[in-house]
Protein backbone atom coordinates (compact mmCIF):
# COMPACT_ATOMS: atom_id res chain seq x y z
CA UNK A 1 -15.97 20.06 -85.94
CA UNK A 2 -13.54 20.11 -83.02
CA UNK A 3 -10.71 17.69 -83.04
CA UNK A 4 -9.45 16.27 -79.69
CA UNK A 5 -5.90 17.24 -79.07
CA UNK A 6 -3.62 14.67 -77.40
CA UNK A 7 -2.74 15.50 -73.80
CA UNK A 8 0.97 16.08 -73.46
CA UNK A 9 2.73 13.74 -71.07
CA UNK A 10 5.91 14.25 -69.09
CA UNK A 11 8.93 12.70 -70.67
CA UNK A 12 9.96 9.42 -69.16
CA UNK A 13 12.92 9.76 -66.81
CA UNK A 14 16.12 8.65 -68.28
CA UNK A 15 17.60 5.77 -66.40
CA UNK A 16 16.46 4.05 -63.19
CA UNK A 17 15.67 6.60 -60.42
CA UNK A 18 15.16 4.06 -57.58
CA UNK A 19 17.43 4.20 -54.56
CA UNK A 20 18.33 1.67 -51.89
CA UNK A 21 19.05 3.25 -48.50
CA UNK A 22 21.02 1.19 -46.04
CA UNK A 23 19.69 2.39 -42.66
CA UNK A 24 21.81 -0.23 -40.99
CA UNK A 25 20.23 -2.23 -38.18
CA UNK A 26 23.42 -2.28 -36.23
CA UNK A 27 23.89 -4.11 -32.97
CA UNK A 28 24.03 -2.14 -29.70
CA UNK A 29 27.62 -1.69 -28.59
CA UNK A 30 27.06 0.64 -25.61
CA UNK A 31 27.15 -0.28 -21.91
CA UNK A 32 24.73 -2.99 -20.80
CA UNK A 33 23.43 -2.13 -17.35
CA UNK A 34 21.95 -5.56 -16.65
CA UNK A 35 19.36 -6.91 -14.25
CA UNK A 36 20.36 -4.86 -11.23
CA UNK A 37 19.78 -1.59 -13.06
CA UNK A 38 16.43 -2.80 -14.44
CA UNK A 39 15.38 -3.90 -10.97
CA UNK A 40 16.32 -0.54 -9.44
CA UNK A 41 14.51 1.32 -12.22
CA UNK A 42 11.33 -0.72 -11.74
CA UNK A 43 11.54 -0.18 -7.97
CA UNK A 44 11.98 3.59 -8.25
CA UNK A 45 9.20 3.98 -10.82
CA UNK A 46 6.81 1.88 -8.73
CA UNK A 47 7.66 3.84 -5.57
CA UNK A 48 7.13 7.15 -7.35
CA UNK A 49 3.87 5.87 -8.78
CA UNK A 50 2.57 5.00 -5.30
CA UNK A 51 2.52 8.73 -4.51
CA UNK A 52 1.47 9.82 -7.99
CA UNK A 53 4.86 11.27 -8.92
CA UNK A 54 5.32 11.31 -12.67
CA UNK A 55 1.59 10.79 -13.16
CA UNK A 56 -1.39 13.10 -13.60
CA UNK A 57 -2.39 15.60 -10.91
CA UNK A 58 -5.47 13.64 -9.88
CA UNK A 59 -3.28 10.58 -9.23
CA UNK A 60 -1.42 12.55 -6.55
CA UNK A 61 -4.54 13.64 -4.63
CA UNK A 62 -5.42 10.48 -2.71
CA UNK A 63 -1.92 9.34 -1.62
CA UNK A 64 -0.87 12.85 -0.61
CA UNK A 65 -4.16 13.36 1.23
CA UNK A 66 -3.72 10.10 3.12
CA UNK A 67 -0.17 11.06 4.04
CA UNK A 68 -1.46 14.38 5.40
CA UNK A 69 -4.19 12.58 7.36
CA UNK A 70 -1.50 10.37 8.91
CA UNK A 71 0.68 13.31 9.94
CA UNK A 72 -1.89 15.87 11.15
CA UNK A 73 -2.88 13.99 14.36
CA UNK A 74 0.81 13.58 15.22
CA UNK A 75 1.36 17.31 14.73
CA UNK A 76 -1.62 18.09 17.00
CA UNK A 77 -0.27 15.78 19.69
CA UNK A 78 3.10 17.49 19.48
CA UNK A 79 1.52 20.94 19.76
CA UNK A 80 -0.44 19.88 22.84
CA UNK A 81 2.62 18.25 24.43
CA UNK A 82 4.79 21.32 23.86
CA UNK A 83 2.09 23.71 25.11
CA UNK A 84 1.31 21.74 28.26
CA UNK A 85 4.97 20.85 28.86
CA UNK A 86 4.09 17.16 29.09
CA UNK A 87 6.71 14.63 30.13
CA UNK A 88 5.63 11.98 27.61
CA UNK A 89 3.66 11.68 24.40
CA UNK A 90 -0.04 10.79 24.66
CA UNK A 91 0.33 7.87 22.21
CA UNK A 92 3.34 5.50 22.11
CA UNK A 93 5.30 5.41 18.85
CA UNK A 94 4.64 1.70 18.31
CA UNK A 95 0.89 2.11 18.77
CA UNK A 96 0.33 5.08 16.46
CA UNK A 97 0.08 2.96 13.29
CA UNK A 98 -2.43 0.64 14.98
CA UNK A 99 -4.68 3.59 15.77
CA UNK A 100 -4.41 4.83 12.17
CA UNK A 101 -4.84 1.38 10.61
CA UNK A 102 -7.94 2.42 8.64
CA UNK A 103 -5.96 5.06 6.75
CA UNK A 104 -3.13 2.61 6.10
CA UNK A 105 -5.55 -0.03 4.79
CA UNK A 106 -7.08 2.53 2.44
CA UNK A 107 -3.62 3.41 1.11
CA UNK A 108 -2.82 -0.26 0.48
CA UNK A 109 -6.19 -0.79 -1.21
CA UNK A 110 -5.64 2.14 -3.56
CA UNK A 111 -1.98 1.59 -4.42
CA UNK A 112 -1.50 -2.20 -4.54
CA UNK A 113 -3.81 -2.59 -7.58
CA UNK A 114 -2.21 0.47 -9.19
CA UNK A 115 1.17 -1.22 -8.88
CA UNK A 116 0.30 -4.55 -10.51
CA UNK A 117 -3.21 -4.55 -12.01
CA UNK A 118 -2.38 -2.37 -15.01
CA UNK A 119 0.47 -4.64 -16.06
CA UNK A 120 -1.90 -7.60 -15.88
CA UNK A 121 -4.75 -5.82 -17.63
CA UNK A 122 -2.69 -4.57 -20.57
CA UNK A 123 -0.62 -7.79 -20.70
CA UNK A 124 2.72 -6.02 -20.41
CA UNK A 125 4.21 -8.49 -17.93
CA UNK A 126 5.67 -10.75 -20.69
CA UNK A 127 7.38 -7.67 -22.13
CA UNK A 128 9.26 -7.19 -18.86
CA UNK A 129 10.41 -10.79 -18.96
CA UNK A 130 11.59 -10.49 -22.57
CA UNK A 131 14.45 -8.36 -21.22
CA UNK A 132 17.19 -9.48 -18.80
CA UNK A 133 14.77 -8.96 -15.86
CA UNK A 134 13.38 -12.17 -14.38
CA UNK A 135 10.28 -13.04 -12.40
CA UNK A 136 12.03 -12.71 -9.05
CA UNK A 137 13.33 -9.26 -10.02
CA UNK A 138 9.85 -8.03 -10.95
CA UNK A 139 8.22 -9.37 -7.79
CA UNK A 140 11.02 -8.11 -5.54
CA UNK A 141 10.90 -4.61 -7.06
CA UNK A 142 7.10 -4.34 -6.74
CA UNK A 143 7.12 -5.76 -3.20
CA UNK A 144 9.93 -3.48 -2.04
CA UNK A 145 8.36 -0.42 -3.67
CA UNK A 146 4.97 -0.80 -1.98
CA UNK A 147 6.59 -1.68 1.36
CA UNK A 148 8.79 1.42 1.08
CA UNK A 149 5.77 3.58 0.26
CA UNK A 150 3.99 2.22 3.33
CA UNK A 151 7.08 2.78 5.48
CA UNK A 152 7.14 6.43 4.37
CA UNK A 153 3.42 6.73 5.13
CA UNK A 154 3.73 5.22 8.62
CA UNK A 155 7.22 6.44 9.50
CA UNK A 156 6.55 10.10 8.67
CA UNK A 157 4.22 10.67 11.65
CA UNK A 158 6.72 8.98 13.96
CA UNK A 159 9.38 11.48 12.89
CA UNK A 160 6.92 14.29 13.67
CA UNK A 161 6.33 12.81 17.14
CA UNK A 162 10.05 12.34 17.78
CA UNK A 163 10.95 15.89 16.74
CA UNK A 164 8.10 17.17 18.91
CA UNK A 165 9.33 15.22 21.91
CA UNK A 166 12.75 16.82 21.52
CA UNK A 167 11.16 20.27 21.28
CA UNK A 168 9.19 19.51 24.46
CA UNK A 169 12.50 18.57 26.13
CA UNK A 170 11.47 15.04 27.00
CA UNK A 171 14.12 12.47 27.82
CA UNK A 172 16.26 12.04 24.71
CA UNK A 173 17.45 8.50 25.51
CA UNK A 174 13.96 7.28 26.39
CA UNK A 175 12.36 8.87 23.33
CA UNK A 176 15.08 7.52 21.04
CA UNK A 177 14.50 3.99 22.31
CA UNK A 178 10.74 4.24 21.85
CA UNK A 179 11.19 5.84 18.44
CA UNK A 180 13.36 2.91 17.35
CA UNK A 181 10.73 0.44 18.57
CA UNK A 182 8.11 2.35 16.62
CA UNK A 183 10.18 2.13 13.43
CA UNK A 184 10.50 -1.64 13.85
CA UNK A 185 6.72 -1.87 14.27
CA UNK A 186 5.93 0.11 11.12
CA UNK A 187 8.60 -1.79 9.16
CA UNK A 188 6.90 -5.11 9.98
CA UNK A 189 3.50 -3.59 9.25
CA UNK A 190 4.70 -2.25 5.90
CA UNK A 191 6.08 -5.60 4.78
CA UNK A 192 3.00 -7.52 5.92
CA UNK A 193 0.43 -5.15 4.44
CA UNK A 194 2.37 -4.81 1.18
CA UNK A 195 2.56 -8.57 0.76
CA UNK A 196 -1.13 -9.15 1.47
CA UNK A 197 -2.20 -6.24 -0.72
CA UNK A 198 -0.11 -7.32 -3.70
CA UNK A 199 -1.22 -10.96 -3.49
CA UNK A 200 -4.87 -9.91 -3.55
CA UNK A 201 -4.36 -7.31 -6.30
CA UNK A 202 -2.43 -9.74 -8.49
CA UNK A 203 -5.42 -12.09 -8.65
CA UNK A 204 -7.44 -9.80 -10.93
CA UNK A 205 -6.48 -7.35 -13.70
CA UNK A 206 -9.46 -5.16 -12.76
CA UNK A 207 -8.29 -2.36 -10.49
CA UNK A 208 -11.76 -1.77 -9.02
CA UNK A 209 -12.10 -5.41 -8.01
CA UNK A 210 -8.64 -5.33 -6.47
CA UNK A 211 -9.43 -2.24 -4.39
CA UNK A 212 -12.67 -3.76 -3.10
CA UNK A 213 -11.01 -7.09 -2.29
CA UNK A 214 -8.14 -5.50 -0.33
CA UNK A 215 -10.53 -3.32 1.69
CA UNK A 216 -12.74 -6.33 2.40
CA UNK A 217 -9.87 -8.51 3.61
CA UNK A 218 -8.38 -5.79 5.83
CA UNK A 219 -11.60 -4.51 7.38
CA UNK A 220 -13.63 -7.72 7.65
CA UNK A 221 -10.77 -9.68 9.22
CA UNK A 222 -10.09 -6.94 11.77
CA UNK A 223 -13.79 -6.50 12.60
CA UNK A 224 -14.41 -10.22 12.96
CA UNK A 225 -11.34 -10.80 15.14
CA UNK A 226 -12.11 -7.80 17.36
CA UNK A 227 -15.69 -9.00 17.82
CA UNK A 228 -14.62 -12.53 18.73
CA UNK A 229 -12.03 -11.17 21.17
CA UNK A 230 -14.66 -9.00 22.86
CA UNK A 231 -17.03 -11.98 23.16
CA UNK A 232 -14.30 -14.18 24.62
CA UNK A 233 -13.30 -11.50 27.12
CA UNK A 234 -16.91 -10.89 28.20
CA UNK A 235 -17.31 -14.61 28.93
CA UNK A 236 -14.19 -14.69 31.12
CA UNK A 237 -12.26 -16.62 28.50
CA UNK A 238 -9.39 -14.13 28.28
CA UNK A 239 -6.86 -16.88 27.63
CA UNK A 240 -8.18 -17.32 24.09
CA UNK A 241 -8.06 -13.60 23.26
CA UNK A 242 -4.38 -13.57 22.14
CA UNK A 243 -4.83 -16.65 19.95
CA UNK A 244 -7.84 -15.14 18.17
CA UNK A 245 -5.62 -12.18 17.31
CA UNK A 246 -3.55 -14.38 15.01
CA UNK A 247 -6.23 -14.16 12.30
CA UNK A 248 -6.03 -10.48 11.35
CA UNK A 249 -3.06 -8.49 9.95
CA UNK A 250 -3.81 -5.53 12.24
CA UNK A 251 -4.05 -7.57 15.43
CA UNK A 252 -0.92 -9.49 14.46
CA UNK A 253 1.11 -6.27 14.40
CA UNK A 254 -0.64 -5.08 17.55
CA UNK A 255 0.36 -8.27 19.33
CA UNK A 256 4.00 -7.98 18.26
CA UNK A 257 4.35 -4.34 19.30
CA UNK A 258 2.64 -4.85 22.68
CA UNK A 259 4.47 -8.08 23.58
CA UNK A 260 7.96 -7.41 22.21
CA UNK A 261 8.32 -3.67 21.56
CA UNK A 262 7.04 -2.10 24.74
CA UNK A 263 3.73 -0.81 23.36
CA UNK A 264 0.23 -0.89 24.78
CA UNK A 265 -2.37 -3.28 23.42
CA UNK A 266 -5.81 -2.55 21.96
CA UNK A 267 -7.04 -6.03 22.84
CA UNK A 268 -10.13 -6.20 25.11
CA UNK A 269 -9.15 -5.41 28.67
CA UNK A 270 -5.89 -3.88 27.48
CA UNK A 271 -4.09 -7.17 28.05
CA UNK A 272 -2.07 -8.24 25.05
CA UNK A 273 -0.15 -11.45 24.40
CA UNK A 274 2.65 -12.53 26.70
CA UNK A 275 6.28 -12.46 25.61
CA UNK A 276 6.14 -16.10 24.55
CA UNK A 277 2.94 -15.52 22.62
CA UNK A 278 4.54 -12.41 21.12
CA UNK A 279 7.25 -14.57 19.54
CA UNK A 280 4.52 -16.75 18.06
CA UNK A 281 2.97 -13.58 16.60
CA UNK A 282 6.35 -12.57 15.17
CA UNK A 283 6.87 -15.99 13.55
CA UNK A 284 3.40 -15.81 11.99
CA UNK A 285 4.08 -12.29 10.66
CA UNK A 286 7.39 -13.30 9.10
CA UNK A 287 5.81 -16.47 7.71
CA UNK A 288 3.01 -14.47 6.06
CA UNK A 289 5.53 -12.08 4.51
CA UNK A 290 7.53 -14.99 3.08
CA UNK A 291 4.35 -16.75 1.90
CA UNK A 292 3.16 -13.58 0.16
CA UNK A 293 6.44 -13.32 -1.72
CA UNK A 294 6.22 -16.97 -2.72
CA UNK A 295 2.63 -16.65 -3.94
CA UNK A 296 3.56 -13.62 -6.04
CA UNK A 297 6.43 -15.55 -7.61
CA UNK A 298 4.12 -18.42 -8.56
CA UNK A 299 1.51 -16.02 -9.93
CA UNK A 300 3.93 -14.14 -12.19
CA UNK A 301 5.69 -17.26 -13.41
CA UNK A 302 2.33 -18.35 -14.81
CA UNK A 303 1.58 -14.90 -16.25
CA UNK A 304 4.97 -14.65 -17.92
CA UNK A 305 4.63 -17.91 -19.82
């Protein structure tokens, strides 16, 4: 009969083998870069993100495509002007962005939600505010980044037109003046469209809803205002045409550039607002920009609580 043999066991270790490792949670004693550095970093990352830089390849397709669509017509105009030895460009600098407003609206609709909706959806906004950055820093960085991206989008074609006018040997002084007026126009447009786009996008954490809402506001307002202006002009009530233009972002910029910056108007009959009415347009534009910034501050103060 077999007898079970005891299983040999390892000898018990002599003494206590446990160790305590002091990994030392030491305080940070390096340079503290502060709010200004955090604000600049958030601005640069948001600006890069608007063109898909630092993101996946598919994120670069739409913004780069829209930038190309903005610049190609300007390049064609330049080629025609140089070939025909024209004495002036076919489209004024300050009016070019108005003609291409559909492309600009699409850019705002695609990039404004990308800038703010993800932070809202994944609830990372309070994490920003746990650092030295404050609500005003976050809003200012996001606002400035989208406005800068729009200024690049709208200012690039103007540079193409200006360089082409110099190649065609048009008047340097005249072209420089008109080029400067065009830059002022697109700067106001960039600030206004960025503010409106961010306010709408910040309402919902869903990027798809934000895109649809921005497109709806931009296109419906412009279509409705243009229709009402055409009706007023057809009924010989042209005096009300400029005042109707106050209710759309596109017509607001159109009114400013035609009344104050030497551009031509797309209003019915080609008659834009007078100089006095142009200053009203400018006040409304600046007021909307300031109101957009204020609404964003209120929104993110609530989110950051």
